[in-house]
C-alpha atoms as a PDB file:
ATOM      1  CA  MET A   1     182.821  76.451  54.622  1.00  0.00           C
ATOM      2  CA  SER A   2     185.899  78.397  54.075  1.00  0.00           C
ATOM      3  CA  ASP A   3     188.685  78.201  55.473  1.00  0.00           C
ATOM      4  CA  THR A   4     188.623  81.484  56.675  1.00  0.00           C
ATOM      5  CA  LEU A   5     185.717  80.934  58.279  1.00  0.00           C
ATOM      6  CA  TRP A   6     186.546  77.650  60.024  1.00  0.00           C
ATOM      7  CA  GLU A   7     189.559  79.538  61.400  1.00  0.00           C
ATOM      8  CA  GLN A   8     187.052  81.446  63.263  1.00  0.00           C
ATOM      9  CA  MET A   9     184.579  78.712  64.240  1.00  0.00           C
ATOM     10  CA  GLU A  10     187.292  76.401  65.108  1.00  0.00           C
ATOM     11  CA  PRO A  11     188.311  77.849  68.295  1.00  0.00           C
ATOM     12  CA  LEU A  12     185.077  78.166  69.611  1.00  0.00           C
ATOM     13  CA  LEU A  13     184.730  74.218  69.134  1.00  0.00           C
ATOM     14  CA  PRO A  14     184.306  72.426  72.760  1.00  0.00           C
ATOM     15  CA  ALA A  15     186.655  70.041  73.314  1.00  0.00           C
ATOM     16  CA  ALA A  16     185.463  66.616  72.544  1.00  0.00           C
ATOM     17  CA  LYS A  17     184.737  63.995  75.483  1.00  0.00           C
ATOM     18  CA  SER A  18     186.575  61.366  76.316  1.00  0.00           C
ATOM     19  CA  HIS A  19     184.687  57.627  75.280  1.00  0.00           C
ATOM     20  CA  PRO A  20     184.045  55.510  79.057  1.00  0.00           C
ATOM     21  CA  LEU A  21     185.501  52.829  77.896  1.00  0.00           C
ATOM     22  CA  GLY A  22     188.611  53.902  75.283  1.00  0.00           C
ATOM     23  CA  CYS A  23     186.921  51.640  72.970  1.00  0.00           C
ATOM     24  CA  HIS A  24     185.249  53.265  69.916  1.00  0.00           C
ATOM     25  CA  ARG A  25     185.584  54.308  66.498  1.00  0.00           C
ATOM     26  CA  PRO A  26     187.813  56.640  65.527  1.00  0.00           C
ATOM     27  CA  ARG A  27     185.672  60.753  66.166  1.00  0.00           C
ATOM     28  CA  VAL A  28     184.442  62.253  62.418  1.00  0.00           C
ATOM     29  CA  PRO A  29     186.126  65.252  62.592  1.00  0.00           C
ATOM     30  CA  ASN A  30     185.134  68.566  63.509  1.00  0.00           C
ATOM     31  CA  ARG A  31     185.669  70.443  60.324  1.00  0.00           C
ATOM     32  CA  ALA A  32     183.955  67.228  58.062  1.00  0.00           C
ATOM     33  CA  ALA A  33     180.883  67.168  61.626  1.00  0.00           C
ATOM     34  CA  MET A  34     180.428  71.285  60.479  1.00  0.00           C
ATOM     35  CA  ASP A  35     180.236  70.826  56.789  1.00  0.00           C
ATOM     36  CA  ALA A  36     177.358  68.289  57.361  1.00  0.00           C
ATOM     37  CA  ILE A  37     174.971  70.868  59.694  1.00  0.00           C
ATOM     38  CA  LEU A  38     176.276  73.930  56.868  1.00  0.00           C
ATOM     39  CA  LEU A  39     175.152  71.927  54.109  1.00  0.00           C
ATOM     40  CA  VAL A  40     172.134  70.643  56.231  1.00  0.00           C
ATOM     41  CA  LEU A  41     171.789  74.538  56.691  1.00  0.00           C
ATOM     42  CA  ARG A  42     171.812  75.586  53.057  1.00  0.00           C
ATOM     43  CA  THR A  43     170.301  72.781  50.873  1.00  0.00           C
ATOM     44  CA  GLY A  44     167.346  72.459  53.672  1.00  0.00           C
ATOM     45  CA  MET A  45     167.906  68.139  53.151  1.00  0.00           C
ATOM     46  CA  GLN A  46     167.027  65.739  55.422  1.00  0.00           C
ATOM     47  CA  TRP A  47     169.883  64.752  58.266  1.00  0.00           C
ATOM     48  CA  ASN A  48     169.296  61.044  57.089  1.00  0.00           C
ATOM     49  CA  ALA A  49     170.187  62.293  53.933  1.00  0.00           C
ATOM     50  CA  LEU A  50     173.750  63.395  54.905  1.00  0.00           C
ATOM     51  CA  ASP A  51     174.659  59.264  54.761  1.00  0.00           C
ATOM     52  CA  SER A  52     174.827  59.348  50.944  1.00  0.00           C
ATOM     53  CA  THR A  53     176.760  62.184  51.287  1.00  0.00           C
ATOM     54  CA  GLY A  54     179.846  60.939  52.074  1.00  0.00           C
ATOM     55  CA  ILE A  55     180.744  63.733  54.697  1.00  0.00           C
ATOM     56  CA  CYS A  56     180.115  62.057  57.832  1.00  0.00           C
ATOM     57  CA  THR A  57     176.695  59.860  58.872  1.00  0.00           C
ATOM     58  CA  CYS A  58     173.707  61.866  59.864  1.00  0.00           C
ATOM     59  CA  SER A  59     174.173  60.514  63.328  1.00  0.00           C
ATOM     60  CA  SER A  60     177.957  62.184  63.713  1.00  0.00           C
ATOM     61  CA  ALA A  61     176.418  65.196  62.022  1.00  0.00           C
ATOM     62  CA  TYR A  62     172.984  65.822  64.357  1.00  0.00           C
ATOM     63  CA  ARG A  63     175.423  64.887  68.102  1.00  0.00           C
ATOM     64  CA  ARG A  64     178.052  66.750  67.437  1.00  0.00           C
ATOM     65  CA  PHE A  65     175.739  69.439  66.150  1.00  0.00           C
ATOM     66  CA  ARG A  66     173.832  69.404  69.697  1.00  0.00           C
ATOM     67  CA  GLU A  67     176.872  69.210  71.615  1.00  0.00           C
ATOM     68  CA  TRP A  68     177.500  72.451  69.410  1.00  0.00           C
ATOM     69  CA  ILE A  69     174.396  74.159  70.747  1.00  0.00           C
ATOM     70  CA  ASP A  70     174.632  72.892  74.596  1.00  0.00           C
ATOM     71  CA  ALA A  71     178.150  75.024  74.437  1.00  0.00           C
ATOM     72  CA  GLY A  72     176.533  77.901  72.487  1.00  0.00           C
ATOM     73  CA  VAL A  73     179.120  77.958  69.562  1.00  0.00           C
ATOM     74  CA  PHE A  74     176.569  79.514  66.882  1.00  0.00           C
ATOM     75  CA  ALA A  75     175.003  81.736  69.150  1.00  0.00           C
ATOM     76  CA  LYS A  76     178.952  82.889  70.214  1.00  0.00           C
ATOM     77  CA  PHE A  77     179.768  83.290  65.798  1.00  0.00           C
ATOM     78  CA  TRP A  78     177.025  85.574  65.256  1.00  0.00           C
ATOM     79  CA  ARG A  79     178.644  87.660  68.045  1.00  0.00           C
ATOM     80  CA  LEU A  80     182.340  87.121  67.421  1.00  0.00           C
ATOM     81  CA  GLY A  81     181.335  87.798  63.562  1.00  0.00           C
ATOM     82  CA  LEU A  82     179.204  91.241  64.633  1.00  0.00           C
ATOM     83  CA  LEU A  83     182.588  92.581  66.607  1.00  0.00           C
ATOM     84  CA  GLU A  84     184.684  91.818  63.364  1.00  0.00           C
ATOM     85  CA  TYR A  85     181.588  93.883  61.612  1.00  0.00           C
ATOM     86  CA  ASP A  86     181.855  96.417  63.454  1.00  0.00           C
ATOM     87  CA  GLU A  87     185.850  96.532  63.548  1.00  0.00           C
ATOM     88  CA  LEU A  88     186.541  96.469  59.656  1.00  0.00           C
ATOM     89  CA  GLN A  89     183.262  98.179  58.824  1.00  0.00           C
ATOM     90  CA  GLY A  90     181.608  99.734  61.202  1.00  0.00           C
ATOM     91  CA  ILE A  91     177.997  98.905  62.627  1.00  0.00           C
ATOM     92  CA  ASP A  92     176.025 101.689  61.219  1.00  0.00           C
ATOM     93  CA  TRP A  93     173.687 103.121  64.754  1.00  0.00           C
ATOM     94  CA  SER A  94     172.240 105.992  63.552  1.00  0.00           C
ATOM     95  CA  TRP A  95     169.310 103.496  62.587  1.00  0.00           C
ATOM     96  CA  LEU A  96     168.018  99.930  62.682  1.00  0.00           C
ATOM     97  CA  ALA A  97     164.800  98.721  61.434  1.00  0.00           C
ATOM     98  CA  MET A  98     163.003  95.677  63.136  1.00  0.00           C
ATOM     99  CA  ASP A  99     160.278  93.961  61.170  1.00  0.00           C
ATOM    100  CA  GLY A 100     158.702  90.403  60.917  1.00  0.00           C
ATOM    101  CA  ALA A 101     158.493  87.182  58.780  1.00  0.00           C
ATOM    102  CA  LEU A 102     156.004  84.179  58.734  1.00  0.00           C
ATOM    103  CA  THR A 103     157.552  80.832  57.702  1.00  0.00           C
ATOM    104  CA  LYS A 104     156.107  77.072  57.769  1.00  0.00           C
ATOM    105  CA  ALA A 105     156.288  74.340  59.856  1.00  0.00           C
ATOM    106  CA  PRO A 106     154.432  71.049  59.326  1.00  0.00           C
ATOM    107  CA  LEU A 107     156.465  68.936  61.544  1.00  0.00           C
ATOM    108  CA  GLY A 108     154.896  71.342  64.508  1.00  0.00           C
ATOM    109  CA  GLY A 109     156.468  70.889  67.696  1.00  0.00           C
ATOM    110  CA  LYS A 110     155.659  71.694  70.875  1.00  0.00           C
ATOM    111  CA  LYS A 111     157.184  75.345  71.337  1.00  0.00           C
ATOM    112  CA  LYS A 112     157.290  78.455  69.540  1.00  0.00           C
ATOM    113  CA  THR A 113     154.673  76.807  66.378  1.00  0.00           C
ATOM    114  CA  GLY A 114     151.069  78.517  66.263  1.00  0.00           C
ATOM    115  CA  PRO A 115     148.595  78.032  63.739  1.00  0.00           C
ATOM    116  CA  ASN A 116     149.161  81.173  60.664  1.00  0.00           C
ATOM    117  CA  PRO A 117     146.955  83.569  60.141  1.00  0.00           C
ATOM    118  CA  CYS A 118     148.028  83.343  56.357  1.00  0.00           C
ATOM    119  CA  ASP A 119     148.537  79.660  55.914  1.00  0.00           C
ATOM    120  CA  ARG A 120     144.332  79.093  57.033  1.00  0.00           C
ATOM    121  CA  ALA A 121     145.706  78.735  60.117  1.00  0.00           C
ATOM    122  CA  LYS A 122     148.582  75.598  59.370  1.00  0.00           C
ATOM    123  CA  GLY A 123     151.542  75.330  62.048  1.00  0.00           C
ATOM    124  CA  GLY A 124     154.095  78.654  61.610  1.00  0.00           C
ATOM    125  CA  VAL A 125     156.905  80.272  63.467  1.00  0.00           C
ATOM    126  CA  LYS A 126     157.298  84.332  63.413  1.00  0.00           C
ATOM    127  CA  ARG A 127     160.964  85.209  63.486  1.00  0.00           C
ATOM    128  CA  SER A 128     161.320  88.511  64.204  1.00  0.00           C
ATOM    129  CA  MET A 129     164.867  90.472  63.002  1.00  0.00           C
ATOM    130  CA  LEU A 130     166.840  93.335  63.825  1.00  0.00           C
ATOM    131  CA  THR A 131     168.975  94.449  61.772  1.00  0.00           C
ATOM    132  CA  GLU A 132     171.518  97.598  61.117  1.00  0.00           C
ATOM    133  CA  ALA A 133     171.516 100.016  58.669  1.00  0.00           C
ATOM    134  CA  ALA A 134     173.219  98.352  56.693  1.00  0.00           C
ATOM    135  CA  GLY A 135     170.848  94.848  57.358  1.00  0.00           C
ATOM    136  CA  VAL A 136     173.468  92.648  59.332  1.00  0.00           C
ATOM    137  CA  PRO A 137     171.474  90.807  61.527  1.00  0.00           C
ATOM    138  CA  LEU A 138     171.584  92.060  65.967  1.00  0.00           C
ATOM    139  CA  ALA A 139     168.783  89.889  66.955  1.00  0.00           C
ATOM    140  CA  VAL A 140     166.293  87.355  66.196  1.00  0.00           C
ATOM    141  CA  GLU A 141     163.354  86.194  68.497  1.00  0.00           C
ATOM    142  CA  VAL A 142     161.111  83.360  67.441  1.00  0.00           C
ATOM    143  CA  ALA A 143     157.241  82.631  68.168  1.00  0.00           C
ATOM    144  CA  PRO A 144     154.652  81.221  67.425  1.00  0.00           C
ATOM    145  CA  ALA A 145     152.630  82.221  64.171  1.00  0.00           C
ATOM    146  CA  ASN A 146     149.964  84.013  65.061  1.00  0.00           C
ATOM    147  CA  ARG A 147     152.093  86.524  67.605  1.00  0.00           C
ATOM    148  CA  HIS A 148     151.419  89.597  66.854  1.00  0.00           C
ATOM    149  CA  ASP A 149     154.792  91.758  66.096  1.00  0.00           C
ATOM    150  CA  MET A 150     154.090  94.366  68.728  1.00  0.00           C
ATOM    151  CA  LYS A 151     154.104  91.878  71.224  1.00  0.00           C
ATOM    152  CA  LEU A 152     157.940  90.579  70.037  1.00  0.00           C
ATOM    153  CA  VAL A 153     159.788  94.305  70.370  1.00  0.00           C
ATOM    154  CA  ALA A 154     161.087  93.931  74.024  1.00  0.00           C
ATOM    155  CA  ALA A 155     162.556  90.201  73.584  1.00  0.00           C
ATOM    156  CA  THR A 156     163.947  91.512  70.323  1.00  0.00           C
ATOM    157  CA  LEU A 157     165.597  94.131  71.456  1.00  0.00           C
ATOM    158  CA  ALA A 158     166.762  92.644  74.715  1.00  0.00           C
ATOM    159  CA  GLY A 159     167.986  89.943  72.244  1.00  0.00           C
ATOM    160  CA  MET A 160     171.143  92.430  70.577  1.00  0.00           C
ATOM    161  CA  MET A 161     174.089  90.179  70.466  1.00  0.00           C
ATOM    162  CA  CYS A 162     176.094  93.452  70.351  1.00  0.00           C
ATOM    163  CA  ALA A 163     175.960  96.123  73.103  1.00  0.00           C
ATOM    164  CA  ARG A 164     174.874  99.643  71.388  1.00  0.00           C
ATOM    165  CA  PRO A 165     177.774 102.293  72.109  1.00  0.00           C
ATOM    166  CA  VAL A 166     176.361 105.613  74.636  1.00  0.00           C
ATOM    167  CA  ASN A 167     177.384 108.558  73.238  1.00  0.00           C
ATOM    168  CA  GLY A 168     174.382 110.613  74.033  1.00  0.00           C
ATOM    169  CA  ARG A 169     172.108 110.246  71.350  1.00  0.00           C
ATOM    170  CA  LYS A 170     169.468 107.863  70.200  1.00  0.00           C
ATOM    171  CA  SER A 171     169.321 105.779  67.269  1.00  0.00           C
ATOM    172  CA  GLU A 172     166.136 105.537  65.932  1.00  0.00           C
ATOM    173  CA  LEU A 173     164.217 102.273  65.240  1.00  0.00           C
ATOM    174  CA  CYS A 174     162.239 102.275  61.789  1.00  0.00           C
ATOM    175  CA  LEU A 175     159.050  99.831  62.542  1.00  0.00           C
ATOM    176  CA  ASP A 176     155.955  99.690  59.951  1.00  0.00           C
ATOM    177  CA  LEU A 177     152.193 100.202  60.628  1.00  0.00           C
ATOM    178  CA  GLY A 178     152.242  97.200  62.653  1.00  0.00           C
ATOM    179  CA  TYR A 179     153.887  98.266  65.290  1.00  0.00           C
ATOM    180  CA  ASP A 180     151.003 101.937  66.038  1.00  0.00           C
ATOM    181  CA  TYR A 181     151.142 101.332  69.501  1.00  0.00           C
ATOM    182  CA  ASP A 182     151.881 103.240  72.318  1.00  0.00           C
ATOM    183  CA  GLU A 183     153.007 100.564  74.118  1.00  0.00           C
ATOM    184  CA  VAL A 184     155.696  99.603  71.647  1.00  0.00           C
ATOM    185  CA  ARG A 185     156.738 103.702  71.576  1.00  0.00           C
ATOM    186  CA  ARG A 186     157.396 103.588  75.438  1.00  0.00           C
ATOM    187  CA  ILE A 187     159.321  99.919  75.288  1.00  0.00           C
ATOM    188  CA  VAL A 188     161.581 101.599  72.019  1.00  0.00           C
ATOM    189  CA  SER A 189     161.938 105.148  74.041  1.00  0.00           C
ATOM    190  CA  MET A 190     162.969 102.702  77.075  1.00  0.00           C
ATOM    191  CA  ALA A 191     165.681 100.684  75.250  1.00  0.00           C
ATOM    192  CA  GLY A 192     167.109 104.368  74.545  1.00  0.00           C
ATOM    193  CA  PHE A 193     165.769 104.520  71.252  1.00  0.00           C
ATOM    194  CA  GLU A 194     163.383 107.061  68.951  1.00  0.00           C
ATOM    195  CA  PRO A 195     160.644 104.839  67.664  1.00  0.00           C
ATOM    196  CA  ILE A 196     159.805 106.101  63.427  1.00  0.00           C
ATOM    197  CA  ILE A 197     156.891 104.121  62.195  1.00  0.00           C
ATOM    198  CA  LEU A 198     155.828 104.361  58.581  1.00  0.00           C
ATOM    199  CA  GLY A 199     153.704 103.189  56.057  1.00  0.00           C
ATOM    200  CA  ARG A 200     154.785 102.352  52.740  1.00  0.00           C
ATOM    201  CA  ARG A 201     153.165 105.752  51.358  1.00  0.00           C
ATOM    202  CA  ASP A 202     154.885 107.566  53.722  1.00  0.00           C
ATOM    203  CA  GLU A 203     158.042 106.683  52.826  1.00  0.00           C
ATOM    204  CA  ARG A 204     157.545 106.992  48.978  1.00  0.00           C
ATOM    205  CA  GLU A 205     156.429 110.362  50.182  1.00  0.00           C
ATOM    206  CA  ASN A 206     159.782 110.961  52.116  1.00  0.00           C
ATOM    207  CA  LYS A 207     161.925 109.814  49.069  1.00  0.00           C
ATOM    208  CA  LYS A 208     159.729 112.413  46.624  1.00  0.00           C
ATOM    209  CA  GLN A 209     159.684 115.679  49.486  1.00  0.00           C
ATOM    210  CA  CYS A 210     162.944 114.509  51.194  1.00  0.00           C
ATOM    211  CA  GLY A 211     165.327 112.684  49.666  1.00  0.00           C
ATOM    212  CA  VAL A 212     164.861 110.078  52.328  1.00  0.00           C
ATOM    213  CA  ARG A 213     165.424 106.704  50.901  1.00  0.00           C
ATOM    214  CA  ALA A 214     163.191 103.929  51.936  1.00  0.00           C
ATOM    215  CA  ARG A 215     164.495 102.076  55.176  1.00  0.00           C
ATOM    216  CA  ARG A 216     161.919  99.399  56.228  1.00  0.00           C
ATOM    217  CA  TRP A 217     162.782  97.283  53.404  1.00  0.00           C
ATOM    218  CA  VAL A 218     166.268  96.543  54.542  1.00  0.00           C
ATOM    219  CA  VAL A 219     165.232  94.063  56.949  1.00  0.00           C
ATOM    220  CA  GLU A 220     162.465  92.711  54.350  1.00  0.00           C
ATOM    221  CA  ARG A 221     166.301  91.777  52.588  1.00  0.00           C
ATOM    222  CA  THR A 222     167.267  90.422  55.778  1.00  0.00           C
ATOM    223  CA  HIS A 223     164.854  87.668  56.062  1.00  0.00           C
ATOM    224  CA  SER A 224     165.362  87.340  52.418  1.00  0.00           C
ATOM    225  CA  TRP A 225     168.696  86.375  52.540  1.00  0.00           C
ATOM    226  CA  LEU A 226     167.468  84.201  55.914  1.00  0.00           C
ATOM    227  CA  ASN A 227     165.289  82.510  53.545  1.00  0.00           C
ATOM    228  CA  ARG A 228     168.373  81.331  50.831  1.00  0.00           C
ATOM    229  CA  PHE A 229     169.294  78.978  53.508  1.00  0.00           C
ATOM    230  CA  ARG A 230     166.292  76.179  52.992  1.00  0.00           C
ATOM    231  CA  ARG A 231     166.033  74.371  56.381  1.00  0.00           C
ATOM    232  CA  LEU A 232     165.073  78.303  57.351  1.00  0.00           C
ATOM    233  CA  LEU A 233     162.286  78.997  54.531  1.00  0.00           C
ATOM    234  CA  VAL A 234     160.782  75.862  56.093  1.00  0.00           C
ATOM    235  CA  ARG A 235     161.137  75.355  59.545  1.00  0.00           C
ATOM    236  CA  TRP A 236     161.781  71.636  59.710  1.00  0.00           C
ATOM    237  CA  GLU A 237     162.838  71.379  63.026  1.00  0.00           C
ATOM    238  CA  LYS A 238     160.668  70.205  66.064  1.00  0.00           C
ATOM    239  CA  ARG A 239     163.026  71.101  68.814  1.00  0.00           C
ATOM    240  CA  GLU A 240     162.942  74.932  69.937  1.00  0.00           C
ATOM    241  CA  ASP A 241     166.740  75.344  70.670  1.00  0.00           C
ATOM    242  CA  THR A 242     167.741  73.151  66.476  1.00  0.00           C
ATOM    243  CA  TYR A 243     166.256  75.452  64.689  1.00  0.00           C
ATOM    244  CA  LEU A 244     166.961  78.482  67.063  1.00  0.00           C
ATOM    245  CA  ALA A 245     171.001  77.161  66.396  1.00  0.00           C
ATOM    246  CA  MET A 246     170.036  77.397  62.552  1.00  0.00           C
ATOM    247  CA  LEU A 247     168.748  80.878  62.748  1.00  0.00           C
ATOM    248  CA  GLN A 248     172.107  82.091  64.157  1.00  0.00           C
ATOM    249  CA  PHE A 249     174.554  80.305  62.306  1.00  0.00           C
ATOM    250  CA  ALA A 250     173.290  81.501  59.083  1.00  0.00           C
ATOM    251  CA  CYS A 251     173.030  85.387  60.802  1.00  0.00           C
ATOM    252  CA  GLY A 252     176.538  84.190  61.932  1.00  0.00           C
ATOM    253  CA  LEU A 253     177.608  83.387  58.429  1.00  0.00           C
ATOM    254  CA  ILE A 254     175.386  87.018  57.226  1.00  0.00           C
ATOM    255  CA  ALA A 255     177.992  88.427  59.818  1.00  0.00           C
ATOM    256  CA  TRP A 256     181.318  87.218  58.813  1.00  0.00           C
ATOM    257  CA  ARG A 257     181.026  87.609  54.572  1.00  0.00           C
ATOM    258  CA  SER A 258     179.461  91.398  55.290  1.00  0.00           C
ATOM    259  CA  ALA A 259     182.441  92.180  57.930  1.00  0.00           C
ATOM    260  CA  LEU A 260     184.929  89.916  55.307  1.00  0.00           C
ATOM    261  CA  SER A 261     183.540  91.615  51.773  1.00  0.00           C
ATOM    262  CA  LYS A 262     186.290  93.933  51.412  1.00  0.00           C
END
């Protein structure tokens, strides 16, 4: 992790717990543990493989990971990244985009996994992503792979990490034809957005006739960004909270890098 990002992350970490007997090995530095977690996220390597890296042991890294999940560190990191991005670059609220993506989940898990209809009913997970116009992620929702996209609209909108400014006008929410339901239109309208549901052909026609560029690709590109974090390309996490924390960490990194890119 770069020095700039570490300066933003370090204040979010909770204070170290004291050992009840006061006689234990020196605590692994927080930055070393965070670097180990980031290495797992970026490469998709097994936790046990950390022992051979020399950064820190797998048990120390995973224990610290669980501590920081309980303290909400990764969600706060994402939220602060969005606030910094809004201040420096400005979140483009003129229109948003939402779409779902399926990934494999070979190790299963008790929650938020299910038979993938696109992979011969093997175990899988769906993530529903909401982005602003430039593709910076604003919300993510996790569900079993066999859950329909339209069933995740309300939860995804409710999980936005920063509030939309109230300026008297509705932002457009761009969706594909998988969301073409009256229930979706009602939920989106109640949330203060104007639903724009178009297929690929309609978007091409709008670009040819009106010069309006296609918008749905923005959220698809963000899913591609997430897949570059190899731990997210395939869900190896059995626990729901650890998988969600990995997603939040990746979204936070995208938000911070977008904020500091210029």
